[in-house]
């Protein structure tokens, strides 16, 4: 996957902590992993809301279709 070079500003204590745990070269890897985790969390929340909305809509649709099914299948004496 292609990479994009960024120039970002972070508080020095945060950078120092990351470097002490991951080394100078581990900074990009750490930020990539952190970004992936945060994006996954945000997407999960967004998708959860959408899924719940679709499920609620599906239940309503089923009820409407049941009413139409009864109207279509009942025999009429004309």
PDB file of N, CA and C in Angstrom:
ATOM      1  N   UNK A   1       0.849  -1.163   0.000  1.00  0.00           N
ATOM      2  CA  UNK A   1       0.000   0.000   0.000  1.00  0.00           C
ATOM      3  C   UNK A   1       0.900   1.234   0.000  1.00  0.00           C
ATOM      4  N   UNK A   2       0.545   2.246  -0.787  1.00  0.00           N
ATOM      5  CA  UNK A   2       1.382   3.447  -0.837  1.00  0.00           C
ATOM      6  C   UNK A   2       1.306   4.229   0.468  1.00  0.00           C
ATOM      7  N   UNK A   3       2.358   4.936   0.753  1.00  0.00           N
ATOM      8  CA  UNK A   3       2.432   5.747   1.967  1.00  0.00           C
ATOM      9  C   UNK A   3       2.416   7.222   1.614  1.00  0.00           C
ATOM     10  N   UNK A   4       1.959   8.035   2.557  1.00  0.00           N
ATOM     11  CA  UNK A   4       1.986   9.482   2.428  1.00  0.00           C
ATOM     12  C   UNK A   4       2.805  10.041   3.572  1.00  0.00           C
ATOM     13  N   UNK A   5       3.741  10.880   3.241  1.00  0.00           N
ATOM     14  CA  UNK A   5       4.591  11.486   4.267  1.00  0.00           C
ATOM     15  C   UNK A   5       3.840  12.675   4.866  1.00  0.00           C
ATOM     16  N   UNK A   6       3.827  12.760   6.176  1.00  0.00           N
ATOM     17  CA  UNK A   6       3.127  13.837   6.874  1.00  0.00           C
ATOM     18  C   UNK A   6       4.090  14.600   7.770  1.00  0.00           C
ATOM     19  N   UNK A   7       3.764  15.825   8.015  1.00  0.00           N
ATOM     20  CA  UNK A   7       4.481  16.625   9.006  1.00  0.00           C
ATOM     21  C   UNK A   7       3.458  16.953  10.083  1.00  0.00           C
ATOM     22  N   UNK A   8       3.563  16.304  11.241  1.00  0.00           N
ATOM     23  CA  UNK A   8       2.580  16.499  12.311  1.00  0.00           C
ATOM     24  C   UNK A   8       3.262  17.052  13.550  1.00  0.00           C
ATOM     25  N   UNK A   9       2.466  17.619  14.413  1.00  0.00           N
ATOM     26  CA  UNK A   9       2.968  18.156  15.672  1.00  0.00           C
ATOM     27  C   UNK A   9       2.275  17.442  16.816  1.00  0.00           C
ATOM     28  N   UNK A  10       3.054  16.902  17.719  1.00  0.00           N
ATOM     29  CA  UNK A  10       2.538  16.230  18.907  1.00  0.00           C
ATOM     30  C   UNK A  10       3.250  16.788  20.128  1.00  0.00           C
ATOM     31  N   UNK A  11       2.606  16.725  21.287  1.00  0.00           N
ATOM     32  CA  UNK A  11       3.288  17.158  22.502  1.00  0.00           C
ATOM     33  C   UNK A  11       4.555  16.321  22.740  1.00  0.00           C
ATOM     34  N   UNK A  12       5.627  16.990  23.132  1.00  0.00           N
ATOM     35  CA  UNK A  12       6.924  16.328  23.321  1.00  0.00           C
ATOM     36  C   UNK A  12       6.853  15.147  24.285  1.00  0.00           C
ATOM     37  N   UNK A  13       6.140  15.242  25.409  1.00  0.00           N
ATOM     38  CA  UNK A  13       6.100  14.076  26.319  1.00  0.00           C
ATOM     39  C   UNK A  13       5.499  12.832  25.661  1.00  0.00           C
ATOM     40  N   UNK A  14       4.531  13.025  24.793  1.00  0.00           N
ATOM     41  CA  UNK A  14       3.922  11.879  24.104  1.00  0.00           C
ATOM     42  C   UNK A  14       4.941  11.246  23.163  1.00  0.00           C
ATOM     43  N   UNK A  15       5.628  12.080  22.395  1.00  0.00           N
ATOM     44  CA  UNK A  15       6.646  11.579  21.462  1.00  0.00           C
ATOM     45  C   UNK A  15       7.749  10.867  22.229  1.00  0.00           C
ATOM     46  N   UNK A  16       8.180  11.450  23.331  1.00  0.00           N
ATOM     47  CA  UNK A  16       9.243  10.832  24.140  1.00  0.00           C
ATOM     48  C   UNK A  16       8.808   9.464  24.661  1.00  0.00           C
ATOM     49  N   UNK A  17       7.560   9.359  25.110  1.00  0.00           N
ATOM     50  CA  UNK A  17       7.060   8.070  25.608  1.00  0.00           C
ATOM     51  C   UNK A  17       7.018   7.025  24.494  1.00  0.00           C
ATOM     52  N   UNK A  18       6.555   7.423  23.337  1.00  0.00           N
ATOM     53  CA  UNK A  18       6.485   6.477  22.210  1.00  0.00           C
ATOM     54  C   UNK A  18       7.888   6.025  21.829  1.00  0.00           C
ATOM     55  N   UNK A  19       8.814   6.968  21.719  1.00  0.00           N
ATOM     56  CA  UNK A  19      10.194   6.632  21.344  1.00  0.00           C
ATOM     57  C   UNK A  19      10.849   5.730  22.383  1.00  0.00           C
ATOM     58  N   UNK A  20      10.534   5.951  23.642  1.00  0.00           N
ATOM     59  CA  UNK A  20      11.154   5.119  24.685  1.00  0.00           C
ATOM     60  C   UNK A  20      10.634   3.684  24.629  1.00  0.00           C
ATOM     61  N   UNK A  21       9.404   3.518  24.173  1.00  0.00           N
ATOM     62  CA  UNK A  21       8.829   2.181  24.074  1.00  0.00           C
ATOM     63  C   UNK A  21       9.123   1.500  22.734  1.00  0.00           C
ATOM     64  N   UNK A  22       9.130   2.277  21.654  1.00  0.00           N
ATOM     65  CA  UNK A  22       9.227   1.706  20.316  1.00  0.00           C
ATOM     66  C   UNK A  22      10.499   2.085  19.569  1.00  0.00           C
ATOM     67  N   UNK A  23      11.296   2.977  20.129  1.00  0.00           N
ATOM     68  CA  UNK A  23      12.515   3.417  19.453  1.00  0.00           C
ATOM     69  C   UNK A  23      12.210   4.520  18.459  1.00  0.00           C
ATOM     70  N   UNK A  24      13.257   5.145  17.977  1.00  0.00           N
ATOM     71  CA  UNK A  24      13.133   6.263  17.036  1.00  0.00           C
ATOM     72  C   UNK A  24      12.386   5.841  15.776  1.00  0.00           C
ATOM     73  N   UNK A  25      12.695   4.682  15.248  1.00  0.00           N
ATOM     74  CA  UNK A  25      12.077   4.221  14.004  1.00  0.00           C
ATOM     75  C   UNK A  25      10.679   3.640  14.234  1.00  0.00           C
ATOM     76  N   UNK A  26      10.299   3.393  15.459  1.00  0.00           N
ATOM     77  CA  UNK A  26       8.991   2.815  15.744  1.00  0.00           C
ATOM     78  C   UNK A  26       7.871   3.827  15.830  1.00  0.00           C
ATOM     79  N   UNK A  27       8.217   5.101  15.747  1.00  0.00           N
ATOM     80  CA  UNK A  27       7.215   6.157  15.890  1.00  0.00           C
ATOM     81  C   UNK A  27       6.136   6.056  14.805  1.00  0.00           C
ATOM     82  N   UNK A  28       6.540   5.907  13.568  1.00  0.00           N
ATOM     83  CA  UNK A  28       5.558   5.802  12.471  1.00  0.00           C
ATOM     84  C   UNK A  28       4.693   4.562  12.631  1.00  0.00           C
ATOM     85  N   UNK A  29       5.317   3.458  12.992  1.00  0.00           N
ATOM     86  CA  UNK A  29       4.557   2.212  13.165  1.00  0.00           C
ATOM     87  C   UNK A  29       3.529   2.363  14.278  1.00  0.00           C
ATOM     88  N   UNK A  30       3.952   2.965  15.391  1.00  0.00           N
ATOM     89  CA  UNK A  30       3.036   3.180  16.505  1.00  0.00           C
ATOM     90  C   UNK A  30       1.860   4.050  16.072  1.00  0.00           C
ATOM     91  N   UNK A  31       2.132   5.164  15.390  1.00  0.00           N
ATOM     92  CA  UNK A  31       1.064   6.070  14.963  1.00  0.00           C
ATOM     93  C   UNK A  31       0.130   5.395  13.957  1.00  0.00           C
ATOM     94  N   UNK A  32       0.683   4.565  13.077  1.00  0.00           N
ATOM     95  CA  UNK A  32      -0.157   3.838  12.131  1.00  0.00           C
ATOM     96  C   UNK A  32      -1.086   2.872  12.859  1.00  0.00           C
ATOM     97  N   UNK A  33      -0.531   2.126  13.806  1.00  0.00           N
ATOM     98  CA  UNK A  33      -1.348   1.177  14.566  1.00  0.00           C
ATOM     99  C   UNK A  33      -2.423   1.894  15.369  1.00  0.00           C
ATOM    100  N   UNK A  34      -2.042   3.002  16.000  1.00  0.00           N
ATOM    101  CA  UNK A  34      -3.009   3.762  16.795  1.00  0.00           C
ATOM    102  C   UNK A  34      -4.127   4.309  15.909  1.00  0.00           C
ATOM    103  N   UNK A  35      -3.758   4.807  14.724  1.00  0.00           N
ATOM    104  CA  UNK A  35      -4.763   5.340  13.800  1.00  0.00           C
ATOM    105  C   UNK A  35      -5.697   4.231  13.324  1.00  0.00           C
ATOM    106  N   UNK A  36      -5.139   3.066  13.006  1.00  0.00           N
ATOM    107  CA  UNK A  36      -5.973   1.933  12.553  1.00  0.00           C
ATOM    108  C   UNK A  36      -6.965   1.520  13.643  1.00  0.00           C
ATOM    109  N   UNK A  37      -6.487   1.437  14.883  1.00  0.00           N
ATOM    110  CA  UNK A  37      -7.364   1.041  15.992  1.00  0.00           C
ATOM    111  C   UNK A  37      -8.484   2.060  16.188  1.00  0.00           C
ATOM    112  N   UNK A  38      -8.137   3.335  16.155  1.00  0.00           N
ATOM    113  CA  UNK A  38      -9.141   4.380  16.362  1.00  0.00           C
ATOM    114  C   UNK A  38     -10.148   4.392  15.221  1.00  0.00           C
ATOM    115  N   UNK A  39      -9.678   4.251  13.980  1.00  0.00           N
ATOM    116  CA  UNK A  39     -10.584   4.206  12.840  1.00  0.00           C
ATOM    117  C   UNK A  39     -11.516   3.002  12.916  1.00  0.00           C
ATOM    118  N   UNK A  40     -10.993   1.861  13.319  1.00  0.00           N
ATOM    119  CA  UNK A  40     -11.823   0.660  13.452  1.00  0.00           C
ATOM    120  C   UNK A  40     -12.913   0.888  14.490  1.00  0.00           C
ATOM    121  N   UNK A  41     -12.561   1.533  15.593  1.00  0.00           N
ATOM    122  CA  UNK A  41     -13.535   1.830  16.651  1.00  0.00           C
ATOM    123  C   UNK A  41     -14.628   2.766  16.143  1.00  0.00           C
ATOM    124  N   UNK A  42     -14.227   3.806  15.423  1.00  0.00           N
ATOM    125  CA  UNK A  42     -15.194   4.771  14.895  1.00  0.00           C
ATOM    126  C   UNK A  42     -16.109   4.105  13.869  1.00  0.00           C
ATOM    127  N   UNK A  43     -15.527   3.309  12.966  1.00  0.00           N
ATOM    128  CA  UNK A  43     -16.333   2.624  11.953  1.00  0.00           C
ATOM    129  C   UNK A  43     -17.291   1.632  12.586  1.00  0.00           C
ATOM    130  N   UNK A  44     -16.832   0.933  13.607  1.00  0.00           N
ATOM    131  CA  UNK A  44     -17.685  -0.044  14.283  1.00  0.00           C
ATOM    132  C   UNK A  44     -18.916   0.641  14.873  1.00  0.00           C
ATOM    133  N   UNK A  45     -18.696   1.793  15.521  1.00  0.00           N
ATOM    134  CA  UNK A  45     -19.817   2.541  16.091  1.00  0.00           C
ATOM    135  C   UNK A  45     -20.761   3.032  14.999  1.00  0.00           C
ATOM    136  N   UNK A  46     -20.201   3.536  13.910  1.00  0.00           N
ATOM    137  CA  UNK A  46     -21.028   4.047  12.817  1.00  0.00           C
ATOM    138  C   UNK A  46     -21.818   2.918  12.178  1.00  0.00           C
ATOM    139  N   UNK A  47     -21.150   1.795  11.909  1.00  0.00           N
ATOM    140  CA  UNK A  47     -21.830   0.661  11.290  1.00  0.00           C
ATOM    141  C   UNK A  47     -22.876   0.071  12.220  1.00  0.00           C
ATOM    142  N   UNK A  48     -22.588   0.070  13.525  1.00  0.00           N
ATOM    143  CA  UNK A  48     -23.544  -0.483  14.476  1.00  0.00           C
ATOM    144  C   UNK A  48     -24.857   0.303  14.408  1.00  0.00           C
ATOM    145  N   UNK A  49     -24.745   1.624  14.359  1.00  0.00           N
ATOM    146  CA  UNK A  49     -25.944   2.452  14.263  1.00  0.00           C
ATOM    147  C   UNK A  49     -26.696   2.201  12.968  1.00  0.00           C
ATOM    148  N   UNK A  50     -25.965   2.070  11.874  1.00  0.00           N
ATOM    149  CA  UNK A  50     -26.601   1.819  10.582  1.00  0.00           C
ATOM    150  C   UNK A  50     -27.272   0.448  10.578  1.00  0.00           C
ATOM    151  N   UNK A  51     -26.590  -0.548  11.106  1.00  0.00           N
ATOM    152  CA  UNK A  51     -27.153  -1.906  11.148  1.00  0.00           C
ATOM    153  C   UNK A  51     -28.419  -1.932  11.988  1.00  0.00           C
ATOM    154  N   UNK A  52     -28.384  -1.273  13.140  1.00  0.00           N
ATOM    155  CA  UNK A  52     -29.572  -1.240  13.993  1.00  0.00           C
ATOM    156  C   UNK A  52     -30.724  -0.548  13.272  1.00  0.00           C
ATOM    157  N   UNK A  53     -30.424   0.504  12.530  1.00  0.00           N
ATOM    158  CA  UNK A  53     -31.454   1.200  11.766  1.00  0.00           C
ATOM    159  C   UNK A  53     -32.049   0.309  10.692  1.00  0.00           C
ATOM    160  N   UNK A  54     -31.191  -0.407   9.963  1.00  0.00           N
ATOM    161  CA  UNK A  54     -31.680  -1.320   8.925  1.00  0.00           C
ATOM    162  C   UNK A  54     -32.507  -2.445   9.529  1.00  0.00           C
ATOM    163  N   UNK A  55     -32.075  -2.962  10.674  1.00  0.00           N
ATOM    164  CA  UNK A  55     -32.830  -4.041  11.316  1.00  0.00           C
ATOM    165  C   UNK A  55     -34.205  -3.561  11.749  1.00  0.00           C
ATOM    166  N   UNK A  56     -34.265  -2.374  12.313  1.00  0.00           N
ATOM    167  CA  UNK A  56     -35.557  -1.816  12.726  1.00  0.00           C
ATOM    168  C   UNK A  56     -36.455  -1.602  11.507  1.00  0.00           C
ATOM    169  N   UNK A  57     -35.872  -1.101  10.434  1.00  0.00           N
ATOM    170  CA  UNK A  57     -36.625  -0.882   9.208  1.00  0.00           C
ATOM    171  C   UNK A  57     -37.102  -2.207   8.625  1.00  0.00           C
ATOM    172  N   UNK A  58     -36.261  -3.222   8.692  1.00  0.00           N
ATOM    173  CA  UNK A  58     -36.629  -4.539   8.159  1.00  0.00           C
ATOM    174  C   UNK A  58     -37.830  -5.105   8.912  1.00  0.00           C
ATOM    175  N   UNK A  59     -37.859  -4.934  10.215  1.00  0.00           N
ATOM    176  CA  UNK A  59     -38.979  -5.431  11.006  1.00  0.00           C
ATOM    177  C   UNK A  59     -40.268  -4.710  10.609  1.00  0.00           C
ATOM    178  N   UNK A  60     -40.190  -3.410  10.421  1.00  0.00           N
ATOM    179  CA  UNK A  60     -41.366  -2.651   9.998  1.00  0.00           C
ATOM    180  C   UNK A  60     -41.825  -3.112   8.615  1.00  0.00           C
ATOM    181  N   UNK A  61     -40.871  -3.337   7.730  1.00  0.00           N
ATOM    182  CA  UNK A  61     -41.196  -3.793   6.373  1.00  0.00           C
ATOM    183  C   UNK A  61     -41.877  -5.154   6.405  1.00  0.00           C
ATOM    184  N   UNK A  62     -41.412  -6.044   7.257  1.00  0.00           N
ATOM    185  CA  UNK A  62     -42.031  -7.368   7.387  1.00  0.00           C
ATOM    186  C   UNK A  62     -43.487  -7.246   7.815  1.00  0.00           C
ATOM    187  N   UNK A  63     -43.759  -6.359   8.754  1.00  0.00           N
ATOM    188  CA  UNK A  63     -45.134  -6.172   9.228  1.00  0.00           C
ATOM    189  C   UNK A  63     -46.030  -5.650   8.101  1.00  0.00           C
ATOM    190  N   UNK A  64     -45.545  -4.707   7.330  1.00  0.00           N
ATOM    191  CA  UNK A  64     -46.327  -4.171   6.220  1.00  0.00           C
ATOM    192  C   UNK A  64     -46.570  -5.263   5.187  1.00  0.00           C
ATOM    193  N   UNK A  65     -45.545  -6.034   4.867  1.00  0.00           N
ATOM    194  CA  UNK A  65     -45.697  -7.115   3.882  1.00  0.00           C
ATOM    195  C   UNK A  65     -46.680  -8.178   4.350  1.00  0.00           C
ATOM    196  N   UNK A  66     -46.717  -8.451   5.645  1.00  0.00           N
ATOM    197  CA  UNK A  66     -47.688  -9.419   6.170  1.00  0.00           C
ATOM    198  C   UNK A  66     -49.109  -8.928   5.915  1.00  0.00           C
ATOM    199  N   UNK A  67     -49.348  -7.631   6.103  1.00  0.00           N
ATOM    200  CA  UNK A  67     -50.681  -7.068   5.879  1.00  0.00           C
ATOM    201  C   UNK A  67     -51.076  -7.176   4.414  1.00  0.00           C
ATOM    202  N   UNK A  68     -50.125  -6.892   3.512  1.00  0.00           N
ATOM    203  CA  UNK A  68     -50.400  -7.030   2.089  1.00  0.00           C
ATOM    204  C   UNK A  68     -50.630  -8.482   1.708  1.00  0.00           C
ATOM    205  N   UNK A  69     -49.860  -9.374   2.304  1.00  0.00           N
ATOM    206  CA  UNK A  69     -50.005 -10.804   2.001  1.00  0.00           C
ATOM    207  C   UNK A  69     -51.413 -11.276   2.351  1.00  0.00           C
ATOM    208  N   UNK A  70     -51.905 -10.858   3.492  1.00  0.00           N
ATOM    209  CA  UNK A  70     -53.256 -11.240   3.920  1.00  0.00           C
ATOM    210  C   UNK A  70     -54.281 -10.679   2.942  1.00  0.00           C
ATOM    211  N   UNK A  71     -54.098  -9.440   2.534  1.00  0.00           N
ATOM    212  CA  UNK A  71     -55.050  -8.805   1.616  1.00  0.00           C
ATOM    213  C   UNK A  71     -55.014  -9.485   0.259  1.00  0.00           C
ATOM    214  N   UNK A  72     -53.860  -9.899  -0.195  1.00  0.00           N
ATOM    215  CA  UNK A  72     -53.732 -10.517  -1.524  1.00  0.00           C
ATOM    216  C   UNK A  72     -54.222 -11.947  -1.528  1.00  0.00           C
ATOM    217  N   UNK A  73     -53.971 -12.689  -0.467  1.00  0.00           N
ATOM    218  CA  UNK A  73     -54.286 -14.109  -0.452  1.00  0.00           C
ATOM    219  C   UNK A  73     -55.698 -14.430   0.029  1.00  0.00           C
ATOM    220  N   UNK A  74     -56.384 -13.491   0.643  1.00  0.00           N
ATOM    221  CA  UNK A  74     -57.736 -13.832   1.130  1.00  0.00           C
ATOM    222  C   UNK A  74     -58.685 -13.885  -0.064  1.00  0.00           C
ATOM    223  N   UNK A  75     -59.545 -14.857  -0.009  1.00  0.00           N
ATOM    224  CA  UNK A  75     -60.477 -15.046  -1.120  1.00  0.00           C
ATOM    225  C   UNK A  75     -61.612 -14.025  -0.995  1.00  0.00           C
ATOM    226  N   UNK A  76     -61.951 -13.537  -2.127  1.00  0.00           N
ATOM    227  CA  UNK A  76     -63.037 -12.552  -2.139  1.00  0.00           C
ATOM    228  C   UNK A  76     -64.245 -13.150  -2.859  1.00  0.00           C
ATOM    229  N   UNK A  77     -65.384 -12.947  -2.262  1.00  0.00           N
ATOM    230  CA  UNK A  77     -66.631 -13.388  -2.902  1.00  0.00           C
ATOM    231  C   UNK A  77     -67.204 -12.190  -3.656  1.00  0.00           C
ATOM    232  N   UNK A  78     -67.164 -12.300  -4.954  1.00  0.00           N
ATOM    233  CA  UNK A  78     -67.670 -11.170  -5.757  1.00  0.00           C
ATOM    234  C   UNK A  78     -68.829 -11.595  -6.578  1.00  0.00           C
TER     235      UNK A  78
END
